[in-house]
Amino acid sequence: MTETPVRLVLADDHPVVRAGLRAVLETEAGFVVVAEAATAEDAVARAARGDVDVVLMDLQFGKGMNGAEATAAITARPDAPRVLIVTTFDTDADTLPAIEAGATGYLLKDAPPEDLAAAVRTAAAGRTTLAPTVADRLMNRLRTPCTTLTRRETEVLSLVADGLSNQAIGERLHLTEGTVKSHLARVFAKLDVDSRTAAIATAGRLGLIRR
């Protein structure tokens, strides 16, 4: 009896990355790449057709929907395929939204080919694979919750790092300026800092936001 192949969609806005993933996975027995998607929207549409087992999803696609948003849209459907994040980003600002959105696994693009293949098989079976740095960070969050940021705090601080004012952050996140200040006050307390610059530096060093 022939084993049913694991059907894959490769979602990344870089053709070279998709070609590399395809080259690795098509050398593995039991995998078939049924489609590629250059945008997150295309990945969501393709996954909805019902003939996909695992979507390998990047996080950043330029304009439009990002990978975490696409993951949420895909996993919200009944009998949805699994989503395995394959990206270069491993900060809390990247990993937490993706995992909260329903990603089954999270792997970095510099992972060895054998790790990629194993992660795809694990995802297809409904089990979780996390890159070691991501797993370590999640464990540290559990051990030292006082030094970790909520998703909203991470969003606010990431926008501070991008140079936005409190007013601009409020407009971006649909919050009042007072609410933004409250989030920042909690961030300062958690990180034991007293300025926006120090908060950015400390959060970057701890891997809480992207440098």
N, C-alpha and C. Protein backbone atom coordinates (compact mmCIF):
# COMPACT_ATOMS: atom_id res chain seq x y z
N MET A 1 0.84 -1.19 0.00
CA MET A 1 0.00 0.00 0.00
C MET A 1 0.88 1.26 0.00
N THR A 2 0.67 2.18 -0.97
CA THR A 2 1.47 3.38 -1.10
C THR A 2 1.01 4.43 -0.09
N GLU A 3 1.99 5.02 0.59
CA GLU A 3 1.67 6.06 1.57
C GLU A 3 1.20 7.32 0.85
N THR A 4 0.15 7.93 1.37
CA THR A 4 -0.36 9.17 0.78
C THR A 4 0.64 10.29 1.02
N PRO A 5 1.03 11.00 -0.05
CA PRO A 5 2.03 12.06 0.13
C PRO A 5 1.47 13.24 0.91
N VAL A 6 2.37 13.96 1.57
CA VAL A 6 2.02 15.19 2.26
C VAL A 6 2.02 16.32 1.22
N ARG A 7 0.87 16.99 1.07
CA ARG A 7 0.72 18.02 0.04
C ARG A 7 1.05 19.39 0.63
N LEU A 8 1.94 20.11 -0.05
CA LEU A 8 2.50 21.34 0.50
C LEU A 8 2.22 22.55 -0.37
N VAL A 9 2.07 23.70 0.30
CA VAL A 9 2.07 25.00 -0.37
C VAL A 9 3.24 25.80 0.20
N LEU A 10 4.02 26.41 -0.69
CA LEU A 10 5.16 27.23 -0.28
C LEU A 10 4.78 28.69 -0.43
N ALA A 11 4.67 29.40 0.69
CA ALA A 11 4.22 30.80 0.68
C ALA A 11 5.37 31.71 1.11
N ASP A 12 5.93 32.42 0.14
CA ASP A 12 7.04 33.34 0.39
C ASP A 12 7.10 34.31 -0.79
N ASP A 13 7.40 35.57 -0.51
CA ASP A 13 7.39 36.54 -1.61
C ASP A 13 8.71 36.57 -2.38
N HIS A 14 9.67 35.75 -2.00
CA HIS A 14 10.94 35.69 -2.72
C HIS A 14 11.00 34.39 -3.55
N PRO A 15 11.05 34.50 -4.88
CA PRO A 15 11.10 33.30 -5.73
C PRO A 15 12.29 32.39 -5.41
N VAL A 16 13.43 32.99 -5.06
CA VAL A 16 14.62 32.19 -4.76
C VAL A 16 14.39 31.33 -3.52
N VAL A 17 13.71 31.90 -2.52
CA VAL A 17 13.42 31.13 -1.31
C VAL A 17 12.47 29.98 -1.62
N ARG A 18 11.43 30.27 -2.40
CA ARG A 18 10.49 29.21 -2.77
C ARG A 18 11.20 28.10 -3.55
N ALA A 19 12.08 28.49 -4.44
CA ALA A 19 12.83 27.50 -5.23
C ALA A 19 13.71 26.65 -4.32
N GLY A 20 14.33 27.29 -3.32
CA GLY A 20 15.17 26.55 -2.39
C GLY A 20 14.38 25.56 -1.55
N LEU A 21 13.23 26.01 -1.05
CA LEU A 21 12.37 25.11 -0.28
C LEU A 21 11.89 23.94 -1.14
N ARG A 22 11.51 24.24 -2.36
CA ARG A 22 11.04 23.19 -3.26
C ARG A 22 12.16 22.18 -3.53
N ALA A 23 13.36 22.68 -3.76
CA ALA A 23 14.49 21.80 -4.05
C ALA A 23 14.77 20.85 -2.89
N VAL A 24 14.67 21.37 -1.67
CA VAL A 24 14.91 20.53 -0.49
C VAL A 24 13.80 19.51 -0.31
N LEU A 25 12.56 19.98 -0.38
CA LEU A 25 11.43 19.11 -0.03
C LEU A 25 11.12 18.07 -1.10
N GLU A 26 11.37 18.41 -2.34
CA GLU A 26 11.05 17.44 -3.41
C GLU A 26 12.07 16.31 -3.49
N THR A 27 13.17 16.44 -2.78
CA THR A 27 14.11 15.32 -2.71
C THR A 27 13.72 14.33 -1.62
N GLU A 28 12.74 14.72 -0.79
CA GLU A 28 12.27 13.86 0.30
C GLU A 28 11.10 13.00 -0.17
N ALA A 29 11.15 11.73 0.18
CA ALA A 29 10.04 10.85 -0.16
C ALA A 29 8.80 11.25 0.63
N GLY A 30 7.66 11.22 -0.03
CA GLY A 30 6.40 11.46 0.67
C GLY A 30 5.94 12.90 0.68
N PHE A 31 6.65 13.79 -0.02
CA PHE A 31 6.23 15.19 -0.11
C PHE A 31 5.89 15.53 -1.56
N VAL A 32 4.86 16.34 -1.76
CA VAL A 32 4.57 16.89 -3.08
C VAL A 32 4.17 18.35 -2.92
N VAL A 33 4.85 19.22 -3.64
CA VAL A 33 4.53 20.65 -3.62
C VAL A 33 3.42 20.89 -4.64
N VAL A 34 2.23 21.23 -4.14
CA VAL A 34 1.09 21.40 -5.04
C VAL A 34 0.94 22.83 -5.54
N ALA A 35 1.57 23.79 -4.84
CA ALA A 35 1.43 25.18 -5.27
C ALA A 35 2.45 26.05 -4.55
N GLU A 36 2.72 27.21 -5.16
CA GLU A 36 3.51 28.25 -4.53
C GLU A 36 2.65 29.50 -4.45
N ALA A 37 2.91 30.33 -3.44
CA ALA A 37 2.16 31.58 -3.27
C ALA A 37 3.15 32.70 -2.98
N ALA A 38 3.04 33.79 -3.76
CA ALA A 38 3.95 34.92 -3.60
C ALA A 38 3.40 35.96 -2.63
N THR A 39 2.11 35.83 -2.26
CA THR A 39 1.51 36.75 -1.30
C THR A 39 0.77 35.94 -0.24
N ALA A 40 0.57 36.57 0.91
CA ALA A 40 -0.18 35.90 1.97
C ALA A 40 -1.62 35.65 1.54
N GLU A 41 -2.18 36.60 0.80
CA GLU A 41 -3.56 36.44 0.32
C GLU A 41 -3.69 35.22 -0.59
N ASP A 42 -2.70 35.03 -1.47
CA ASP A 42 -2.72 33.87 -2.36
C ASP A 42 -2.62 32.57 -1.55
N ALA A 43 -1.83 32.59 -0.50
CA ALA A 43 -1.68 31.40 0.35
C ALA A 43 -3.01 31.04 1.01
N VAL A 44 -3.71 32.05 1.50
CA VAL A 44 -5.01 31.82 2.14
C VAL A 44 -6.00 31.23 1.13
N ALA A 45 -6.04 31.81 -0.06
CA ALA A 45 -6.96 31.33 -1.10
C ALA A 45 -6.63 29.90 -1.51
N ARG A 46 -5.34 29.61 -1.66
CA ARG A 46 -4.94 28.26 -2.11
C ARG A 46 -5.22 27.23 -1.03
N ALA A 47 -4.98 27.59 0.22
CA ALA A 47 -5.21 26.66 1.32
C ALA A 47 -6.69 26.32 1.46
N ALA A 48 -7.55 27.25 1.06
CA ALA A 48 -9.00 27.06 1.21
C ALA A 48 -9.56 26.03 0.24
N ARG A 49 -8.77 25.61 -0.73
CA ARG A 49 -9.28 24.66 -1.73
C ARG A 49 -9.41 23.24 -1.19
N GLY A 50 -8.81 22.99 -0.04
CA GLY A 50 -9.04 21.72 0.63
C GLY A 50 -8.16 20.57 0.22
N ASP A 51 -7.13 20.82 -0.60
CA ASP A 51 -6.25 19.74 -1.05
C ASP A 51 -4.81 19.95 -0.58
N VAL A 52 -4.68 20.60 0.58
CA VAL A 52 -3.36 20.93 1.12
C VAL A 52 -3.26 20.39 2.54
N ASP A 53 -2.09 19.85 2.88
CA ASP A 53 -1.86 19.35 4.24
C ASP A 53 -1.07 20.32 5.10
N VAL A 54 -0.04 20.93 4.51
CA VAL A 54 0.82 21.86 5.26
C VAL A 54 1.15 23.07 4.39
N VAL A 55 1.01 24.26 4.97
CA VAL A 55 1.45 25.49 4.32
C VAL A 55 2.73 25.96 5.00
N LEU A 56 3.80 26.11 4.24
CA LEU A 56 5.04 26.68 4.76
C LEU A 56 4.94 28.18 4.55
N MET A 57 4.88 28.94 5.64
CA MET A 57 4.49 30.35 5.59
C MET A 57 5.61 31.27 6.07
N ASP A 58 5.99 32.24 5.23
CA ASP A 58 6.88 33.30 5.67
C ASP A 58 6.06 34.27 6.51
N LEU A 59 6.73 35.19 7.21
CA LEU A 59 6.01 36.16 8.04
C LEU A 59 5.84 37.52 7.37
N GLN A 60 6.81 37.93 6.55
CA GLN A 60 6.77 39.26 5.95
C GLN A 60 6.59 39.15 4.44
N PHE A 61 5.56 39.83 3.93
CA PHE A 61 5.26 39.78 2.50
C PHE A 61 5.22 41.17 1.87
N GLY A 62 5.82 42.16 2.51
CA GLY A 62 5.73 43.50 1.94
C GLY A 62 4.35 44.07 2.21
N LYS A 63 3.70 44.54 1.16
CA LYS A 63 2.37 45.13 1.31
C LYS A 63 1.32 44.05 1.52
N GLY A 64 0.21 44.46 2.13
CA GLY A 64 -0.91 43.54 2.31
C GLY A 64 -0.80 42.71 3.57
N MET A 65 -1.48 41.59 3.58
CA MET A 65 -1.55 40.71 4.74
C MET A 65 -0.18 40.14 5.07
N ASN A 66 0.11 40.01 6.38
CA ASN A 66 1.37 39.37 6.76
C ASN A 66 1.14 37.89 7.08
N GLY A 67 2.23 37.21 7.41
CA GLY A 67 2.13 35.77 7.60
C GLY A 67 1.28 35.36 8.78
N ALA A 68 1.35 36.12 9.88
CA ALA A 68 0.53 35.79 11.05
C ALA A 68 -0.95 35.95 10.74
N GLU A 69 -1.29 37.02 10.02
CA GLU A 69 -2.69 37.25 9.63
C GLU A 69 -3.18 36.14 8.70
N ALA A 70 -2.32 35.74 7.78
CA ALA A 70 -2.69 34.66 6.87
C ALA A 70 -2.86 33.34 7.62
N THR A 71 -1.99 33.12 8.60
CA THR A 71 -2.10 31.90 9.41
C THR A 71 -3.44 31.86 10.14
N ALA A 72 -3.84 32.98 10.71
CA ALA A 72 -5.12 33.04 11.41
C ALA A 72 -6.28 32.77 10.46
N ALA A 73 -6.20 33.33 9.25
CA ALA A 73 -7.27 33.12 8.27
C ALA A 73 -7.34 31.66 7.83
N ILE A 74 -6.18 31.05 7.67
CA ILE A 74 -6.15 29.65 7.23
C ILE A 74 -6.66 28.72 8.32
N THR A 75 -6.15 28.90 9.53
CA THR A 75 -6.49 27.96 10.61
C THR A 75 -7.90 28.15 11.15
N ALA A 76 -8.54 29.26 10.79
CA ALA A 76 -9.90 29.49 11.26
C ALA A 76 -10.92 28.61 10.55
N ARG A 77 -10.54 28.06 9.41
CA ARG A 77 -11.47 27.22 8.64
C ARG A 77 -11.54 25.81 9.20
N PRO A 78 -12.68 25.15 9.07
CA PRO A 78 -12.75 23.75 9.49
C PRO A 78 -11.86 22.88 8.60
N ASP A 79 -11.27 21.84 9.17
CA ASP A 79 -10.38 20.94 8.43
C ASP A 79 -9.25 21.70 7.73
N ALA A 80 -8.74 22.71 8.40
CA ALA A 80 -7.68 23.54 7.81
C ALA A 80 -6.36 22.77 7.74
N PRO A 81 -5.51 23.11 6.78
CA PRO A 81 -4.17 22.54 6.77
C PRO A 81 -3.35 23.09 7.94
N ARG A 82 -2.28 22.42 8.25
CA ARG A 82 -1.35 22.93 9.26
C ARG A 82 -0.52 24.05 8.65
N VAL A 83 -0.08 24.96 9.49
CA VAL A 83 0.78 26.04 9.03
C VAL A 83 2.11 25.96 9.77
N LEU A 84 3.19 25.86 9.00
CA LEU A 84 4.54 25.85 9.54
C LEU A 84 5.22 27.15 9.14
N ILE A 85 5.53 27.99 10.11
CA ILE A 85 6.21 29.25 9.83
C ILE A 85 7.67 28.95 9.50
N VAL A 86 8.14 29.50 8.37
CA VAL A 86 9.55 29.38 7.99
C VAL A 86 10.04 30.78 7.68
N THR A 87 10.85 31.34 8.57
CA THR A 87 11.18 32.76 8.48
C THR A 87 12.58 33.02 8.99
N THR A 88 13.03 34.25 8.86
CA THR A 88 14.33 34.66 9.41
C THR A 88 14.17 35.34 10.76
N PHE A 89 12.94 35.60 11.19
CA PHE A 89 12.68 36.39 12.39
C PHE A 89 12.34 35.51 13.58
N ASP A 90 12.97 35.80 14.73
CA ASP A 90 12.70 34.96 15.91
C ASP A 90 12.45 35.77 17.18
N THR A 91 12.09 37.05 17.05
CA THR A 91 11.79 37.83 18.24
C THR A 91 10.37 37.55 18.72
N ASP A 92 10.08 37.97 19.96
CA ASP A 92 8.72 37.82 20.48
C ASP A 92 7.71 38.53 19.59
N ALA A 93 8.12 39.65 19.02
CA ALA A 93 7.21 40.41 18.17
C ALA A 93 6.79 39.62 16.94
N ASP A 94 7.60 38.64 16.56
CA ASP A 94 7.28 37.80 15.41
C ASP A 94 6.65 36.47 15.82
N THR A 95 7.26 35.82 16.81
CA THR A 95 6.81 34.47 17.16
C THR A 95 5.45 34.45 17.82
N LEU A 96 5.22 35.36 18.75
CA LEU A 96 3.96 35.31 19.52
C LEU A 96 2.72 35.48 18.65
N PRO A 97 2.67 36.49 17.77
CA PRO A 97 1.48 36.61 16.92
C PRO A 97 1.26 35.37 16.04
N ALA A 98 2.34 34.80 15.53
CA ALA A 98 2.20 33.63 14.66
C ALA A 98 1.68 32.42 15.43
N ILE A 99 2.22 32.20 16.61
CA ILE A 99 1.77 31.06 17.41
C ILE A 99 0.35 31.26 17.90
N GLU A 100 0.03 32.49 18.31
CA GLU A 100 -1.34 32.79 18.73
C GLU A 100 -2.32 32.65 17.57
N ALA A 101 -1.83 32.87 16.35
CA ALA A 101 -2.69 32.77 15.17
C ALA A 101 -2.99 31.32 14.79
N GLY A 102 -2.26 30.38 15.40
CA GLY A 102 -2.56 28.98 15.15
C GLY A 102 -1.49 28.20 14.42
N ALA A 103 -0.30 28.78 14.27
CA ALA A 103 0.78 28.06 13.61
C ALA A 103 1.12 26.79 14.39
N THR A 104 1.32 25.69 13.66
CA THR A 104 1.68 24.42 14.30
C THR A 104 3.16 24.37 14.65
N GLY A 105 3.98 25.05 13.84
CA GLY A 105 5.42 25.03 14.09
C GLY A 105 6.06 26.33 13.66
N TYR A 106 7.32 26.51 14.08
CA TYR A 106 8.03 27.75 13.80
C TYR A 106 9.49 27.39 13.59
N LEU A 107 9.96 27.57 12.36
CA LEU A 107 11.32 27.19 12.00
C LEU A 107 12.02 28.38 11.36
N LEU A 108 13.33 28.46 11.53
CA LEU A 108 14.11 29.53 10.92
C LEU A 108 14.70 29.05 9.59
N LYS A 109 14.89 29.99 8.68
CA LYS A 109 15.32 29.63 7.33
C LYS A 109 16.74 29.07 7.27
N ASP A 110 17.52 29.28 8.33
CA ASP A 110 18.87 28.72 8.33
C ASP A 110 18.92 27.31 8.91
N ALA A 111 17.75 26.71 9.14
CA ALA A 111 17.71 25.34 9.67
C ALA A 111 18.25 24.37 8.62
N PRO A 112 18.92 23.31 9.04
CA PRO A 112 19.41 22.30 8.10
C PRO A 112 18.24 21.65 7.35
N PRO A 113 18.49 21.18 6.11
CA PRO A 113 17.42 20.55 5.32
C PRO A 113 16.71 19.42 6.04
N GLU A 114 17.48 18.62 6.79
CA GLU A 114 16.85 17.49 7.49
C GLU A 114 15.90 17.98 8.58
N ASP A 115 16.21 19.12 9.20
CA ASP A 115 15.31 19.69 10.20
C ASP A 115 14.04 20.21 9.56
N LEU A 116 14.17 20.81 8.38
CA LEU A 116 13.00 21.30 7.65
C LEU A 116 12.07 20.14 7.30
N ALA A 117 12.62 19.07 6.75
CA ALA A 117 11.81 17.92 6.38
C ALA A 117 11.13 17.31 7.61
N ALA A 118 11.87 17.21 8.70
CA ALA A 118 11.30 16.65 9.94
C ALA A 118 10.18 17.54 10.47
N ALA A 119 10.37 18.86 10.38
CA ALA A 119 9.35 19.79 10.86
C ALA A 119 8.08 19.69 10.03
N VAL A 120 8.22 19.50 8.73
CA VAL A 120 7.04 19.36 7.87
C VAL A 120 6.27 18.08 8.23
N ARG A 121 7.01 17.00 8.43
CA ARG A 121 6.34 15.74 8.81
C ARG A 121 5.66 15.88 10.17
N THR A 122 6.32 16.55 11.10
CA THR A 122 5.74 16.76 12.42
C THR A 122 4.48 17.61 12.33
N ALA A 123 4.53 18.67 11.53
CA ALA A 123 3.36 19.53 11.35
C ALA A 123 2.21 18.76 10.71
N ALA A 124 2.52 17.95 9.70
CA ALA A 124 1.47 17.17 9.03
C ALA A 124 0.78 16.22 10.00
N ALA A 125 1.52 15.77 11.01
CA ALA A 125 0.96 14.87 12.01
C ALA A 125 0.23 15.62 13.12
N GLY A 126 0.25 16.98 13.04
CA GLY A 126 -0.46 17.78 14.03
C GLY A 126 0.33 18.05 15.28
N ARG A 127 1.64 17.80 15.24
CA ARG A 127 2.49 18.06 16.40
C ARG A 127 3.32 19.32 16.18
N THR A 128 3.87 19.83 17.24
CA THR A 128 4.56 21.12 17.19
C THR A 128 6.07 20.97 17.09
N THR A 129 6.67 21.78 16.21
CA THR A 129 8.12 21.91 16.13
C THR A 129 8.46 23.38 16.28
N LEU A 130 9.40 23.69 17.17
CA LEU A 130 9.85 25.06 17.35
C LEU A 130 11.36 25.12 17.18
N ALA A 131 11.83 26.15 16.48
CA ALA A 131 13.26 26.39 16.40
C ALA A 131 13.81 26.51 17.82
N PRO A 132 15.02 26.01 18.07
CA PRO A 132 15.57 26.04 19.43
C PRO A 132 15.54 27.42 20.07
N THR A 133 15.89 28.47 19.33
CA THR A 133 15.89 29.81 19.92
C THR A 133 14.49 30.25 20.31
N VAL A 134 13.49 29.84 19.51
CA VAL A 134 12.10 30.19 19.80
C VAL A 134 11.63 29.42 21.02
N ALA A 135 11.94 28.13 21.07
CA ALA A 135 11.54 27.32 22.23
C ALA A 135 12.17 27.85 23.51
N ASP A 136 13.45 28.23 23.43
CA ASP A 136 14.13 28.77 24.61
C ASP A 136 13.46 30.06 25.08
N ARG A 137 13.08 30.90 24.12
CA ARG A 137 12.47 32.18 24.50
C ARG A 137 11.11 31.96 25.15
N LEU A 138 10.33 31.03 24.61
CA LEU A 138 9.02 30.74 25.20
C LEU A 138 9.18 30.17 26.61
N MET A 139 10.18 29.32 26.80
CA MET A 139 10.42 28.77 28.13
C MET A 139 10.83 29.88 29.09
N ASN A 140 11.65 30.81 28.64
CA ASN A 140 12.06 31.92 29.49
C ASN A 140 10.88 32.81 29.86
N ARG A 141 9.93 32.94 28.93
CA ARG A 141 8.73 33.72 29.22
C ARG A 141 7.95 33.08 30.37
N LEU A 142 7.89 31.75 30.36
CA LEU A 142 7.17 31.05 31.42
C LEU A 142 7.91 31.15 32.76
N ARG A 143 9.24 31.10 32.70
CA ARG A 143 10.02 31.14 33.93
C ARG A 143 10.06 32.54 34.54
N THR A 144 10.13 33.57 33.69
CA THR A 144 10.26 34.94 34.18
C THR A 144 9.21 35.84 33.55
N PRO A 145 7.94 35.61 33.88
CA PRO A 145 6.87 36.38 33.24
C PRO A 145 6.95 37.87 33.51
N CYS A 146 7.61 38.28 34.59
CA CYS A 146 7.66 39.70 34.91
C CYS A 146 8.50 40.47 33.91
N THR A 147 9.39 39.80 33.18
CA THR A 147 10.23 40.50 32.22
C THR A 147 9.76 40.30 30.79
N THR A 148 8.57 39.76 30.61
CA THR A 148 8.03 39.57 29.27
C THR A 148 6.92 40.57 29.01
N LEU A 149 6.68 40.82 27.75
CA LEU A 149 5.69 41.81 27.35
C LEU A 149 4.47 41.12 26.76
N THR A 150 3.31 41.73 26.95
CA THR A 150 2.12 41.23 26.29
C THR A 150 2.22 41.54 24.80
N ARG A 151 1.33 40.94 24.03
CA ARG A 151 1.35 41.19 22.59
C ARG A 151 1.14 42.68 22.29
N ARG A 152 0.22 43.31 23.00
CA ARG A 152 -0.04 44.73 22.75
C ARG A 152 1.16 45.59 23.16
N GLU A 153 1.78 45.25 24.29
CA GLU A 153 2.96 45.99 24.71
C GLU A 153 4.09 45.85 23.69
N THR A 154 4.21 44.65 23.14
CA THR A 154 5.22 44.41 22.11
C THR A 154 4.92 45.24 20.86
N GLU A 155 3.66 45.29 20.47
CA GLU A 155 3.27 46.09 19.30
C GLU A 155 3.60 47.56 19.52
N VAL A 156 3.25 48.07 20.71
CA VAL A 156 3.50 49.49 21.02
C VAL A 156 5.00 49.78 20.99
N LEU A 157 5.79 48.94 21.64
CA LEU A 157 7.22 49.19 21.71
C LEU A 157 7.88 49.04 20.34
N SER A 158 7.39 48.13 19.53
CA SER A 158 7.93 47.98 18.17
C SER A 158 7.69 49.24 17.36
N LEU A 159 6.54 49.87 17.55
CA LEU A 159 6.25 51.11 16.83
C LEU A 159 7.07 52.28 17.38
N VAL A 160 7.33 52.26 18.68
CA VAL A 160 8.24 53.25 19.26
C VAL A 160 9.61 53.12 18.60
N ALA A 161 10.07 51.86 18.44
CA ALA A 161 11.36 51.61 17.81
C ALA A 161 11.38 52.07 16.35
N ASP A 162 10.21 52.08 15.72
CA ASP A 162 10.11 52.56 14.34
C ASP A 162 10.08 54.08 14.26
N GLY A 163 10.08 54.75 15.44
CA GLY A 163 10.13 56.20 15.47
C GLY A 163 8.80 56.90 15.56
N LEU A 164 7.71 56.16 15.82
CA LEU A 164 6.39 56.77 15.88
C LEU A 164 6.17 57.44 17.23
N SER A 165 5.43 58.53 17.22
CA SER A 165 5.03 59.21 18.46
C SER A 165 3.88 58.44 19.10
N ASN A 166 3.58 58.80 20.35
CA ASN A 166 2.44 58.16 21.03
C ASN A 166 1.15 58.38 20.26
N GLN A 167 0.98 59.60 19.74
CA GLN A 167 -0.24 59.89 18.98
C GLN A 167 -0.32 59.03 17.73
N ALA A 168 0.79 58.90 17.02
CA ALA A 168 0.80 58.09 15.79
C ALA A 168 0.58 56.61 16.10
N ILE A 169 1.15 56.15 17.21
CA ILE A 169 0.94 54.76 17.62
C ILE A 169 -0.53 54.53 17.93
N GLY A 170 -1.14 55.47 18.64
CA GLY A 170 -2.56 55.35 18.94
C GLY A 170 -3.41 55.27 17.69
N GLU A 171 -3.08 56.09 16.71
CA GLU A 171 -3.83 56.07 15.45
C GLU A 171 -3.63 54.74 14.72
N ARG A 172 -2.40 54.24 14.73
CA ARG A 172 -2.11 52.98 14.05
C ARG A 172 -2.84 51.80 14.69
N LEU A 173 -2.88 51.78 16.02
CA LEU A 173 -3.46 50.64 16.75
C LEU A 173 -4.89 50.89 17.23
N HIS A 174 -5.43 52.05 16.87
CA HIS A 174 -6.81 52.42 17.27
C HIS A 174 -6.93 52.47 18.79
N LEU A 175 -5.95 53.14 19.42
CA LEU A 175 -5.94 53.33 20.86
C LEU A 175 -5.89 54.82 21.16
N THR A 176 -6.33 55.18 22.37
CA THR A 176 -6.16 56.58 22.77
C THR A 176 -4.70 56.81 23.12
N GLU A 177 -4.28 58.07 23.08
CA GLU A 177 -2.90 58.37 23.43
C GLU A 177 -2.62 58.01 24.88
N GLY A 178 -3.62 58.17 25.75
CA GLY A 178 -3.47 57.80 27.15
C GLY A 178 -3.24 56.31 27.33
N THR A 179 -3.93 55.50 26.52
CA THR A 179 -3.74 54.05 26.58
C THR A 179 -2.33 53.67 26.14
N VAL A 180 -1.84 54.34 25.11
CA VAL A 180 -0.47 54.09 24.64
C VAL A 180 0.52 54.40 25.76
N LYS A 181 0.32 55.53 26.43
CA LYS A 181 1.20 55.91 27.54
C LYS A 181 1.16 54.87 28.66
N SER A 182 -0.03 54.33 28.92
CA SER A 182 -0.16 53.32 29.97
C SER A 182 0.61 52.05 29.61
N HIS A 183 0.50 51.65 28.33
CA HIS A 183 1.26 50.48 27.88
C HIS A 183 2.75 50.72 28.03
N LEU A 184 3.20 51.90 27.65
CA LEU A 184 4.63 52.21 27.75
C LEU A 184 5.09 52.25 29.21
N ALA A 185 4.25 52.75 30.09
CA ALA A 185 4.60 52.79 31.50
C ALA A 185 4.82 51.37 32.04
N ARG A 186 3.96 50.45 31.62
CA ARG A 186 4.12 49.06 32.05
C ARG A 186 5.39 48.45 31.45
N VAL A 187 5.67 48.80 30.18
CA VAL A 187 6.89 48.32 29.54
C VAL A 187 8.12 48.80 30.30
N PHE A 188 8.14 50.10 30.62
CA PHE A 188 9.27 50.66 31.36
C PHE A 188 9.47 49.93 32.69
N ALA A 189 8.37 49.67 33.39
CA ALA A 189 8.45 49.00 34.69
C ALA A 189 8.98 47.57 34.54
N LYS A 190 8.48 46.86 33.55
CA LYS A 190 8.90 45.47 33.35
C LYS A 190 10.37 45.38 32.98
N LEU A 191 10.83 46.33 32.16
CA LEU A 191 12.21 46.28 31.68
C LEU A 191 13.16 47.05 32.60
N ASP A 192 12.60 47.70 33.61
CA ASP A 192 13.40 48.47 34.58
C ASP A 192 14.21 49.56 33.87
N VAL A 193 13.51 50.34 33.03
CA VAL A 193 14.14 51.44 32.30
C VAL A 193 13.31 52.69 32.52
N ASP A 194 13.86 53.84 32.12
CA ASP A 194 13.13 55.09 32.33
C ASP A 194 13.06 55.96 31.09
N SER A 195 13.33 55.36 29.91
CA SER A 195 13.25 56.14 28.68
C SER A 195 12.90 55.24 27.50
N ARG A 196 12.41 55.86 26.45
CA ARG A 196 12.05 55.11 25.25
C ARG A 196 13.29 54.46 24.64
N THR A 197 14.39 55.22 24.62
CA THR A 197 15.64 54.69 24.05
C THR A 197 16.13 53.47 24.81
N ALA A 198 16.11 53.55 26.13
CA ALA A 198 16.56 52.42 26.96
C ALA A 198 15.63 51.23 26.79
N ALA A 199 14.32 51.48 26.67
CA ALA A 199 13.37 50.39 26.48
C ALA A 199 13.63 49.66 25.17
N ILE A 200 13.89 50.42 24.11
CA ILE A 200 14.18 49.82 22.80
C ILE A 200 15.45 48.98 22.87
N ALA A 201 16.49 49.54 23.49
CA ALA A 201 17.77 48.84 23.58
C ALA A 201 17.64 47.55 24.39
N THR A 202 16.96 47.63 25.52
CA THR A 202 16.82 46.46 26.38
C THR A 202 15.95 45.40 25.73
N ALA A 203 14.84 45.82 25.13
CA ALA A 203 13.95 44.86 24.48
C ALA A 203 14.64 44.20 23.29
N GLY A 204 15.45 44.95 22.57
CA GLY A 204 16.18 44.37 21.46
C GLY A 204 17.20 43.35 21.93
N ARG A 205 17.89 43.67 23.03
CA ARG A 205 18.89 42.75 23.57
C ARG A 205 18.24 41.46 24.07
N LEU A 206 17.04 41.56 24.63
CA LEU A 206 16.33 40.38 25.14
C LEU A 206 15.57 39.62 24.07
N GLY A 207 15.57 40.16 22.84
CA GLY A 207 14.85 39.49 21.77
C GLY A 207 13.35 39.67 21.83
N LEU A 208 12.89 40.73 22.49
CA LEU A 208 11.45 40.99 22.61
C LEU A 208 10.91 41.72 21.38
N ILE A 209 11.76 42.52 20.76
CA ILE A 209 11.38 43.20 19.52
C ILE A 209 12.50 43.02 18.52
N ARG A 210 12.16 43.21 17.26
CA ARG A 210 13.15 43.08 16.19
C ARG A 210 14.07 44.29 16.23
N ARG A 211 15.37 44.04 16.14
CA ARG A 211 16.35 45.13 16.17
C ARG A 211 16.28 45.93 14.87
